[in-house]
Amino acid sequence: QEDKIYVPIRSFAQFVGYESYSGDYKQYAEDNTK
């Protein structure tokens, strides 16, 4: 967008060898803002 690249964090993770999770670390709630 406007010559800037935006990376979807969780989808991108698998391409570079990372696992991804919703929520905050050690906070066991499915919070899609984190």
PDB file of all heavy atoms in Angstrom:
ATOM      1  N   GLN A   1       0.846  -1.183   0.000  1.00  0.00           N
ATOM      2  CA  GLN A   1       0.000   0.000   0.000  1.00  0.00           C
ATOM      3  C   GLN A   1       0.887   1.241   0.000  1.00  0.00           C
ATOM      4  O   GLN A   1       1.716   1.412   0.889  1.00  0.00           O
ATOM      5  CB  GLN A   1      -0.924   0.022   1.227  1.00  0.00           C
ATOM      6  CG  GLN A   1      -1.906  -1.140   1.290  1.00  0.00           C
ATOM      7  CD  GLN A   1      -2.787  -1.084   2.529  1.00  0.00           C
ATOM      8  OE1 GLN A   1      -2.554  -0.297   3.437  1.00  0.00           O
ATOM      9  NE2 GLN A   1      -3.812  -1.923   2.555  1.00  0.00           N
ATOM     10  N   GLU A   2       0.694   2.086  -0.986  1.00  0.00           N
ATOM     11  CA  GLU A   2       1.479   3.313  -1.092  1.00  0.00           C
ATOM     12  C   GLU A   2       2.977   3.012  -1.020  1.00  0.00           C
ATOM     13  O   GLU A   2       3.730   3.654  -0.284  1.00  0.00           O
ATOM     14  CB  GLU A   2       1.079   4.308   0.001  1.00  0.00           C
ATOM     15  CG  GLU A   2      -0.387   4.737  -0.092  1.00  0.00           C
ATOM     16  CD  GLU A   2      -0.769   5.688   1.019  1.00  0.00           C
ATOM     17  OE1 GLU A   2       0.079   5.930   1.916  1.00  0.00           O
ATOM     18  OE2 GLU A   2      -1.895   6.199   0.993  1.00  0.00           O
ATOM     19  N   ASP A   3       3.363   1.990  -1.759  1.00  0.00           N
ATOM     20  CA  ASP A   3       4.765   1.580  -1.866  1.00  0.00           C
ATOM     21  C   ASP A   3       5.345   1.061  -0.549  1.00  0.00           C
ATOM     22  O   ASP A   3       6.563   0.947  -0.404  1.00  0.00           O
ATOM     23  CB  ASP A   3       5.638   2.730  -2.390  1.00  0.00           C
ATOM     24  CG  ASP A   3       5.208   3.178  -3.783  1.00  0.00           C
ATOM     25  OD1 ASP A   3       4.777   2.306  -4.559  1.00  0.00           O
ATOM     26  OD2 ASP A   3       5.297   4.384  -4.072  1.00  0.00           O
ATOM     27  N   LYS A   4       4.494   0.748   0.412  1.00  0.00           N
ATOM     28  CA  LYS A   4       4.938   0.128   1.662  1.00  0.00           C
ATOM     29  C   LYS A   4       4.471  -1.320   1.701  1.00  0.00           C
ATOM     30  O   LYS A   4       3.363  -1.631   1.264  1.00  0.00           O
ATOM     31  CB  LYS A   4       4.385   0.876   2.880  1.00  0.00           C
ATOM     32  CG  LYS A   4       4.999   2.237   3.104  1.00  0.00           C
ATOM     33  CD  LYS A   4       4.456   2.854   4.396  1.00  0.00           C
ATOM     34  CE  LYS A   4       5.080   4.199   4.672  1.00  0.00           C
ATOM     35  NZ  LYS A   4       4.540   4.803   5.918  1.00  0.00           N
ATOM     36  N   ILE A   5       5.313  -2.171   2.249  1.00  0.00           N
ATOM     37  CA  ILE A   5       4.953  -3.580   2.369  1.00  0.00           C
ATOM     38  C   ILE A   5       4.463  -3.854   3.787  1.00  0.00           C
ATOM     39  O   ILE A   5       5.105  -3.459   4.771  1.00  0.00           O
ATOM     40  CB  ILE A   5       6.159  -4.478   2.052  1.00  0.00           C
ATOM     41  CG1 ILE A   5       6.511  -4.374   0.579  1.00  0.00           C
ATOM     42  CG2 ILE A   5       5.887  -5.922   2.431  1.00  0.00           C
ATOM     43  CD1 ILE A   5       7.650  -5.257   0.160  1.00  0.00           C
ATOM     44  N   TYR A   6       3.325  -4.527   3.894  1.00  0.00           N
ATOM     45  CA  TYR A   6       2.789  -4.947   5.176  1.00  0.00           C
ATOM     46  C   TYR A   6       2.760  -6.469   5.227  1.00  0.00           C
ATOM     47  O   TYR A   6       2.303  -7.128   4.291  1.00  0.00           O
ATOM     48  CB  TYR A   6       1.398  -4.365   5.410  1.00  0.00           C
ATOM     49  CG  TYR A   6       1.429  -2.863   5.559  1.00  0.00           C
ATOM     50  CD1 TYR A   6       1.183  -2.032   4.467  1.00  0.00           C
ATOM     51  CD2 TYR A   6       1.738  -2.273   6.775  1.00  0.00           C
ATOM     52  CE1 TYR A   6       1.223  -0.658   4.586  1.00  0.00           C
ATOM     53  CE2 TYR A   6       1.784  -0.895   6.915  1.00  0.00           C
ATOM     54  CZ  TYR A   6       1.531  -0.096   5.826  1.00  0.00           C
ATOM     55  OH  TYR A   6       1.586   1.269   5.951  1.00  0.00           O
ATOM     56  N   VAL A   7       3.262  -6.999   6.327  1.00  0.00           N
ATOM     57  CA  VAL A   7       3.466  -8.435   6.467  1.00  0.00           C
ATOM     58  C   VAL A   7       2.450  -8.995   7.458  1.00  0.00           C
ATOM     59  O   VAL A   7       2.393  -8.549   8.609  1.00  0.00           O
ATOM     60  CB  VAL A   7       4.895  -8.717   6.977  1.00  0.00           C
ATOM     61  CG1 VAL A   7       5.112 -10.212   7.159  1.00  0.00           C
ATOM     62  CG2 VAL A   7       5.926  -8.126   6.031  1.00  0.00           C
ATOM     63  N   PRO A   8       1.618  -9.970   7.046  1.00  0.00           N
ATOM     64  CA  PRO A   8       0.700 -10.612   7.986  1.00  0.00           C
ATOM     65  C   PRO A   8       1.504 -11.502   8.944  1.00  0.00           C
ATOM     66  O   PRO A   8       2.078 -12.503   8.533  1.00  0.00           O
ATOM     67  CB  PRO A   8      -0.225 -11.430   7.085  1.00  0.00           C
ATOM     68  CG  PRO A   8       0.600 -11.718   5.871  1.00  0.00           C
ATOM     69  CD  PRO A   8       1.518 -10.553   5.700  1.00  0.00           C
ATOM     70  N   ILE A   9       1.530 -11.127  10.187  1.00  0.00           N
ATOM     71  CA  ILE A   9       2.501 -11.691  11.128  1.00  0.00           C
ATOM     72  C   ILE A   9       2.383 -13.206  11.236  1.00  0.00           C
ATOM     73  O   ILE A   9       3.368 -13.938  11.062  1.00  0.00           O
ATOM     74  CB  ILE A   9       2.332 -11.033  12.517  1.00  0.00           C
ATOM     75  CG1 ILE A   9       2.601  -9.522  12.403  1.00  0.00           C
ATOM     76  CG2 ILE A   9       3.279 -11.674  13.537  1.00  0.00           C
ATOM     77  CD1 ILE A   9       2.157  -8.733  13.607  1.00  0.00           C
ATOM     78  N   ARG A  10       1.197 -13.691  11.526  1.00  0.00           N
ATOM     79  CA  ARG A  10       1.051 -15.124  11.785  1.00  0.00           C
ATOM     80  C   ARG A  10       1.218 -15.950  10.504  1.00  0.00           C
ATOM     81  O   ARG A  10       1.819 -17.029  10.531  1.00  0.00           O
ATOM     82  CB  ARG A  10      -0.295 -15.397  12.438  1.00  0.00           C
ATOM     83  CG  ARG A  10      -0.448 -14.792  13.834  1.00  0.00           C
ATOM     84  CD  ARG A  10      -1.563 -15.445  14.603  1.00  0.00           C
ATOM     85  NE  ARG A  10      -1.292 -16.878  14.777  1.00  0.00           N
ATOM     86  CZ  ARG A  10      -2.198 -17.747  15.221  1.00  0.00           C
ATOM     87  NH1 ARG A  10      -3.423 -17.333  15.528  1.00  0.00           N
ATOM     88  NH2 ARG A  10      -1.889 -19.020  15.357  1.00  0.00           N
ATOM     89  N   SER A  11       0.700 -15.464   9.379  1.00  0.00           N
ATOM     90  CA  SER A  11       0.835 -16.216   8.128  1.00  0.00           C
ATOM     91  C   SER A  11       2.277 -16.239   7.657  1.00  0.00           C
ATOM     92  O   SER A  11       2.751 -17.235   7.110  1.00  0.00           O
ATOM     93  CB  SER A  11      -0.063 -15.603   7.051  1.00  0.00           C
ATOM     94  OG  SER A  11      -1.416 -15.646   7.433  1.00  0.00           O
ATOM     95  N   PHE A  12       2.995 -15.140   7.867  1.00  0.00           N
ATOM     96  CA  PHE A  12       4.374 -15.040   7.414  1.00  0.00           C
ATOM     97  C   PHE A  12       5.296 -15.966   8.200  1.00  0.00           C
ATOM     98  O   PHE A  12       6.308 -16.451   7.680  1.00  0.00           O
ATOM     99  CB  PHE A  12       4.842 -13.587   7.555  1.00  0.00           C
ATOM    100  CG  PHE A  12       6.239 -13.340   7.083  1.00  0.00           C
ATOM    101  CD1 PHE A  12       6.534 -13.222   5.736  1.00  0.00           C
ATOM    102  CD2 PHE A  12       7.285 -13.231   7.987  1.00  0.00           C
ATOM    103  CE1 PHE A  12       7.818 -12.989   5.287  1.00  0.00           C
ATOM    104  CE2 PHE A  12       8.588 -12.994   7.563  1.00  0.00           C
ATOM    105  CZ  PHE A  12       8.853 -12.875   6.206  1.00  0.00           C
ATOM    106  N   ALA A  13       4.947 -16.222   9.467  1.00  0.00           N
ATOM    107  CA  ALA A  13       5.839 -16.975  10.361  1.00  0.00           C
ATOM    108  C   ALA A  13       6.267 -18.313   9.765  1.00  0.00           C
ATOM    109  O   ALA A  13       7.439 -18.700   9.858  1.00  0.00           O
ATOM    110  CB  ALA A  13       5.156 -17.185  11.715  1.00  0.00           C
ATOM    111  N   GLN A  14       5.353 -19.024   9.148  1.00  0.00           N
ATOM    112  CA  GLN A  14       5.659 -20.362   8.656  1.00  0.00           C
ATOM    113  C   GLN A  14       6.696 -20.353   7.533  1.00  0.00           C
ATOM    114  O   GLN A  14       7.416 -21.328   7.336  1.00  0.00           O
ATOM    115  CB  GLN A  14       4.382 -21.028   8.152  1.00  0.00           C
ATOM    116  CG  GLN A  14       3.716 -20.279   6.998  1.00  0.00           C
ATOM    117  CD  GLN A  14       2.439 -20.912   6.530  1.00  0.00           C
ATOM    118  OE1 GLN A  14       2.410 -22.103   6.241  1.00  0.00           O
ATOM    119  NE2 GLN A  14       1.365 -20.126   6.470  1.00  0.00           N
ATOM    120  N   PHE A  15       6.812 -19.237   6.826  1.00  0.00           N
ATOM    121  CA  PHE A  15       7.747 -19.166   5.702  1.00  0.00           C
ATOM    122  C   PHE A  15       9.189 -18.994   6.168  1.00  0.00           C
ATOM    123  O   PHE A  15      10.123 -19.225   5.400  1.00  0.00           O
ATOM    124  CB  PHE A  15       7.367 -18.015   4.770  1.00  0.00           C
ATOM    125  CG  PHE A  15       6.091 -18.243   4.011  1.00  0.00           C
ATOM    126  CD1 PHE A  15       4.888 -17.718   4.472  1.00  0.00           C
ATOM    127  CD2 PHE A  15       6.084 -18.989   2.848  1.00  0.00           C
ATOM    128  CE1 PHE A  15       3.717 -17.923   3.773  1.00  0.00           C
ATOM    129  CE2 PHE A  15       4.919 -19.211   2.145  1.00  0.00           C
ATOM    130  CZ  PHE A  15       3.719 -18.677   2.610  1.00  0.00           C
ATOM    131  N   VAL A  16       9.380 -18.559   7.420  1.00  0.00           N
ATOM    132  CA  VAL A  16      10.740 -18.292   7.905  1.00  0.00           C
ATOM    133  C   VAL A  16      11.062 -19.121   9.152  1.00  0.00           C
ATOM    134  O   VAL A  16      11.950 -18.780   9.933  1.00  0.00           O
ATOM    135  CB  VAL A  16      10.930 -16.788   8.191  1.00  0.00           C
ATOM    136  CG1 VAL A  16      10.981 -16.009   6.901  1.00  0.00           C
ATOM    137  CG2 VAL A  16       9.841 -16.240   9.107  1.00  0.00           C
ATOM    138  N   GLY A  17      10.324 -20.223   9.338  1.00  0.00           N
ATOM    139  CA  GLY A  17      10.686 -21.184  10.379  1.00  0.00           C
ATOM    140  C   GLY A  17      10.201 -20.864  11.768  1.00  0.00           C
ATOM    141  O   GLY A  17      10.807 -21.303  12.756  1.00  0.00           O
ATOM    142  N   TYR A  18       9.096 -20.125  11.903  1.00  0.00           N
ATOM    143  CA  TYR A  18       8.545 -19.773  13.206  1.00  0.00           C
ATOM    144  C   TYR A  18       7.153 -20.378  13.384  1.00  0.00           C
ATOM    145  O   TYR A  18       6.417 -20.580  12.419  1.00  0.00           O
ATOM    146  CB  TYR A  18       8.434 -18.259  13.365  1.00  0.00           C
ATOM    147  CG  TYR A  18       9.718 -17.572  13.771  1.00  0.00           C
ATOM    148  CD1 TYR A  18      10.805 -17.519  12.900  1.00  0.00           C
ATOM    149  CD2 TYR A  18       9.847 -16.967  15.011  1.00  0.00           C
ATOM    150  CE1 TYR A  18      11.989 -16.883  13.254  1.00  0.00           C
ATOM    151  CE2 TYR A  18      11.024 -16.334  15.386  1.00  0.00           C
ATOM    152  CZ  TYR A  18      12.091 -16.294  14.502  1.00  0.00           C
ATOM    153  OH  TYR A  18      13.267 -15.671  14.867  1.00  0.00           O
ATOM    154  N   GLU A  19       6.799 -20.640  14.654  1.00  0.00           N
ATOM    155  CA  GLU A  19       5.430 -20.964  15.016  1.00  0.00           C
ATOM    156  C   GLU A  19       4.733 -19.675  15.431  1.00  0.00           C
ATOM    157  O   GLU A  19       5.384 -18.721  15.866  1.00  0.00           O
ATOM    158  CB  GLU A  19       5.392 -21.969  16.175  1.00  0.00           C
ATOM    159  CG  GLU A  19       6.071 -23.296  15.883  1.00  0.00           C
ATOM    160  CD  GLU A  19       5.306 -24.130  14.875  1.00  0.00           C
ATOM    161  OE1 GLU A  19       4.078 -23.935  14.768  1.00  0.00           O
ATOM    162  OE2 GLU A  19       5.930 -24.962  14.200  1.00  0.00           O
ATOM    163  N   SER A  20       3.411 -19.621  15.330  1.00  0.00           N
ATOM    164  CA  SER A  20       2.687 -18.406  15.708  1.00  0.00           C
ATOM    165  C   SER A  20       1.474 -18.754  16.558  1.00  0.00           C
ATOM    166  O   SER A  20       0.875 -19.831  16.411  1.00  0.00           O
ATOM    167  CB  SER A  20       2.239 -17.641  14.457  1.00  0.00           C
ATOM    168  OG  SER A  20       1.244 -18.365  13.752  1.00  0.00           O
ATOM    169  N   TYR A  21       1.112 -17.817  17.447  1.00  0.00           N
ATOM    170  CA  TYR A  21       0.014 -18.029  18.388  1.00  0.00           C
ATOM    171  C   TYR A  21      -0.725 -16.716  18.599  1.00  0.00           C
ATOM    172  O   TYR A  21      -0.128 -15.643  18.582  1.00  0.00           O
ATOM    173  CB  TYR A  21       0.541 -18.530  19.743  1.00  0.00           C
ATOM    174  CG  TYR A  21       1.418 -19.747  19.636  1.00  0.00           C
ATOM    175  CD1 TYR A  21       2.794 -19.620  19.456  1.00  0.00           C
ATOM    176  CD2 TYR A  21       0.879 -21.035  19.706  1.00  0.00           C
ATOM    177  CE1 TYR A  21       3.610 -20.736  19.355  1.00  0.00           C
ATOM    178  CE2 TYR A  21       1.689 -22.155  19.605  1.00  0.00           C
ATOM    179  CZ  TYR A  21       3.053 -21.999  19.421  1.00  0.00           C
ATOM    180  OH  TYR A  21       3.870 -23.100  19.316  1.00  0.00           O
ATOM    181  N   SER A  22      -2.040 -16.808  18.820  1.00  0.00           N
ATOM    182  CA  SER A  22      -2.809 -15.613  19.139  1.00  0.00           C
ATOM    183  C   SER A  22      -2.696 -15.310  20.627  1.00  0.00           C
ATOM    184  O   SER A  22      -2.309 -16.168  21.426  1.00  0.00           O
ATOM    185  CB  SER A  22      -4.286 -15.809  18.764  1.00  0.00           C
ATOM    186  OG  SER A  22      -4.859 -16.853  19.541  1.00  0.00           O
ATOM    187  N   GLY A  23      -3.034 -14.086  20.999  1.00  0.00           N
ATOM    188  CA  GLY A  23      -2.928 -13.680  22.395  1.00  0.00           C
ATOM    189  C   GLY A  23      -1.503 -13.328  22.773  1.00  0.00           C
ATOM    190  O   GLY A  23      -0.611 -13.233  21.926  1.00  0.00           O
ATOM    191  N   ASP A  24      -1.292 -13.119  24.072  1.00  0.00           N
ATOM    192  CA  ASP A  24       0.035 -12.785  24.576  1.00  0.00           C
ATOM    193  C   ASP A  24       0.661 -14.006  25.219  1.00  0.00           C
ATOM    194  O   ASP A  24      -0.034 -14.930  25.661  1.00  0.00           O
ATOM    195  CB  ASP A  24      -0.061 -11.646  25.591  1.00  0.00           C
ATOM    196  CG  ASP A  24       1.199 -10.800  25.638  1.00  0.00           C
ATOM    197  OD1 ASP A  24       2.227 -11.252  25.080  1.00  0.00           O
ATOM    198  OD2 ASP A  24       1.166  -9.717  26.231  1.00  0.00           O
ATOM    199  N   TYR A  25       1.971 -14.013  25.309  1.00  0.00           N
ATOM    200  CA  TYR A  25       2.708 -15.150  25.861  1.00  0.00           C
ATOM    201  C   TYR A  25       2.321 -15.377  27.317  1.00  0.00           C
ATOM    202  O   TYR A  25       2.265 -14.453  28.111  1.00  0.00           O
ATOM    203  CB  TYR A  25       4.202 -14.885  25.746  1.00  0.00           C
ATOM    204  CG  TYR A  25       5.088 -16.000  26.263  1.00  0.00           C
ATOM    205  CD1 TYR A  25       4.985 -17.274  25.730  1.00  0.00           C
ATOM    206  CD2 TYR A  25       6.025 -15.763  27.263  1.00  0.00           C
ATOM    207  CE1 TYR A  25       5.791 -18.306  26.182  1.00  0.00           C
ATOM    208  CE2 TYR A  25       6.846 -16.779  27.717  1.00  0.00           C
ATOM    209  CZ  TYR A  25       6.729 -18.046  27.183  1.00  0.00           C
ATOM    210  OH  TYR A  25       7.525 -19.070  27.632  1.00  0.00           O
ATOM    211  N   LYS A  26       2.003 -16.613  27.646  1.00  0.00           N
ATOM    212  CA  LYS A  26       1.592 -17.045  28.987  1.00  0.00           C
ATOM    213  C   LYS A  26       0.257 -16.444  29.429  1.00  0.00           C
ATOM    214  O   LYS A  26      -0.106 -16.532  30.593  1.00  0.00           O
ATOM    215  CB  LYS A  26       2.672 -16.738  30.026  1.00  0.00           C
ATOM    216  CG  LYS A  26       3.912 -17.616  29.900  1.00  0.00           C
ATOM    217  CD  LYS A  26       4.849 -17.419  31.071  1.00  0.00           C
ATOM    218  CE  LYS A  26       6.036 -18.373  30.968  1.00  0.00           C
ATOM    219  NZ  LYS A  26       6.988 -18.203  32.102  1.00  0.00           N
ATOM    220  N   GLN A  27      -0.463 -15.814  28.509  1.00  0.00           N
ATOM    221  CA  GLN A  27      -1.811 -15.339  28.796  1.00  0.00           C
ATOM    222  C   GLN A  27      -2.765 -16.189  27.969  1.00  0.00           C
ATOM    223  O   GLN A  27      -2.857 -16.032  26.758  1.00  0.00           O
ATOM    224  CB  GLN A  27      -1.956 -13.865  28.446  1.00  0.00           C
ATOM    225  CG  GLN A  27      -0.989 -12.959  29.185  1.00  0.00           C
ATOM    226  CD  GLN A  27      -1.210 -12.971  30.675  1.00  0.00           C
ATOM    227  OE1 GLN A  27      -2.286 -12.639  31.170  1.00  0.00           O
ATOM    228  NE2 GLN A  27      -0.181 -13.343  31.419  1.00  0.00           N
ATOM    229  N   TYR A  28      -3.441 -17.102  28.630  1.00  0.00           N
ATOM    230  CA  TYR A  28      -4.182 -18.131  27.911  1.00  0.00           C
ATOM    231  C   TYR A  28      -5.586 -17.649  27.548  1.00  0.00           C
ATOM    232  O   TYR A  28      -6.597 -18.089  28.084  1.00  0.00           O
ATOM    233  CB  TYR A  28      -4.211 -19.415  28.734  1.00  0.00           C
ATOM    234  CG  TYR A  28      -2.820 -19.943  28.985  1.00  0.00           C
ATOM    235  CD1 TYR A  28      -2.182 -19.741  30.212  1.00  0.00           C
ATOM    236  CD2 TYR A  28      -2.105 -20.580  27.981  1.00  0.00           C
ATOM    237  CE1 TYR A  28      -0.889 -20.194  30.422  1.00  0.00           C
ATOM    238  CE2 TYR A  28      -0.811 -21.023  28.185  1.00  0.00           C
ATOM    239  CZ  TYR A  28      -0.210 -20.828  29.413  1.00  0.00           C
ATOM    240  OH  TYR A  28       1.069 -21.266  29.620  1.00  0.00           O
ATOM    241  N   ALA A  29      -5.610 -16.676  26.627  1.00  0.00           N
ATOM    242  CA  ALA A  29      -6.856 -16.150  26.096  1.00  0.00           C
ATOM    243  C   ALA A  29      -6.653 -15.902  24.605  1.00  0.00           C
ATOM    244  O   ALA A  29      -5.588 -15.452  24.190  1.00  0.00           O
ATOM    245  CB  ALA A  29      -7.249 -14.853  26.811  1.00  0.00           C
ATOM    246  N   GLU A  30      -7.656 -16.209  23.809  1.00  0.00           N
ATOM    247  CA  GLU A  30      -7.559 -16.046  22.359  1.00  0.00           C
ATOM    248  C   GLU A  30      -7.883 -14.600  21.993  1.00  0.00           C
ATOM    249  O   GLU A  30      -8.962 -14.272  21.522  1.00  0.00           O
ATOM    250  CB  GLU A  30      -8.496 -17.026  21.656  1.00  0.00           C
ATOM    251  CG  GLU A  30      -8.165 -18.483  21.901  1.00  0.00           C
ATOM    252  CD  GLU A  30      -6.756 -18.845  21.431  1.00  0.00           C
ATOM    253  OE1 GLU A  30      -6.367 -18.423  20.325  1.00  0.00           O
ATOM    254  OE2 GLU A  30      -6.049 -19.548  22.190  1.00  0.00           O
ATOM    255  N   ASP A  31      -6.939 -13.712  22.224  1.00  0.00           N
ATOM    256  CA  ASP A  31      -7.099 -12.286  21.966  1.00  0.00           C
ATOM    257  C   ASP A  31      -6.518 -11.974  20.598  1.00  0.00           C
ATOM    258  O   ASP A  31      -5.310 -12.014  20.406  1.00  0.00           O
ATOM    259  CB  ASP A  31      -6.376 -11.497  23.065  1.00  0.00           C
ATOM    260  CG  ASP A  31      -6.561  -9.994  22.931  1.00  0.00           C
ATOM    261  OD1 ASP A  31      -7.127  -9.564  21.904  1.00  0.00           O
ATOM    262  OD2 ASP A  31      -6.152  -9.263  23.848  1.00  0.00           O
ATOM    263  N   ASN A  32      -7.391 -11.636  19.642  1.00  0.00           N
ATOM    264  CA  ASN A  32      -6.899 -11.432  18.267  1.00  0.00           C
ATOM    265  C   ASN A  32      -6.235 -10.072  18.068  1.00  0.00           C
ATOM    266  O   ASN A  32      -5.755  -9.773  16.987  1.00  0.00           O
ATOM    267  CB  ASN A  32      -8.018 -11.628  17.253  1.00  0.00           C
ATOM    268  CG  ASN A  32      -9.098 -10.558  17.354  1.00  0.00           C
ATOM    269  OD1 ASN A  32      -9.110  -9.768  18.281  1.00  0.00           O
ATOM    270  ND2 ASN A  32     -10.020 -10.559  16.407  1.00  0.00           N
ATOM    271  N   THR A  33      -6.192  -9.242  19.119  1.00  0.00           N
ATOM    272  CA  THR A  33      -5.458  -7.976  19.014  1.00  0.00           C
ATOM    273  C   THR A  33      -3.990  -8.148  19.399  1.00  0.00           C
ATOM    274  O   THR A  33      -3.222  -7.183  19.331  1.00  0.00           O
ATOM    275  CB  THR A  33      -6.080  -6.899  19.921  1.00  0.00           C
ATOM    276  OG1 THR A  33      -5.912  -7.268  21.301  1.00  0.00           O
ATOM    277  CG2 THR A  33      -7.555  -6.732  19.617  1.00  0.00           C
ATOM    278  N   LYS A  34      -3.602  -9.356  19.784  1.00  0.00           N
ATOM    279  CA  LYS A  34      -2.220  -9.634  20.157  1.00  0.00           C
ATOM    280  C   LYS A  34      -1.810 -10.970  19.543  1.00  0.00           C
ATOM    281  O   LYS A  34      -2.648 -11.836  19.301  1.00  0.00           O
ATOM    282  CB  LYS A  34      -2.054  -9.715  21.680  1.00  0.00           C
ATOM    283  CG  LYS A  34      -2.494  -8.460  22.419  1.00  0.00           C
ATOM    284  CD  LYS A  34      -2.433  -8.672  23.925  1.00  0.00           C
ATOM    285  CE  LYS A  34      -2.947  -7.452  24.664  1.00  0.00           C
ATOM    286  NZ  LYS A  34      -2.955  -7.646  26.131  1.00  0.00           N
TER     287      LYS A  34
END
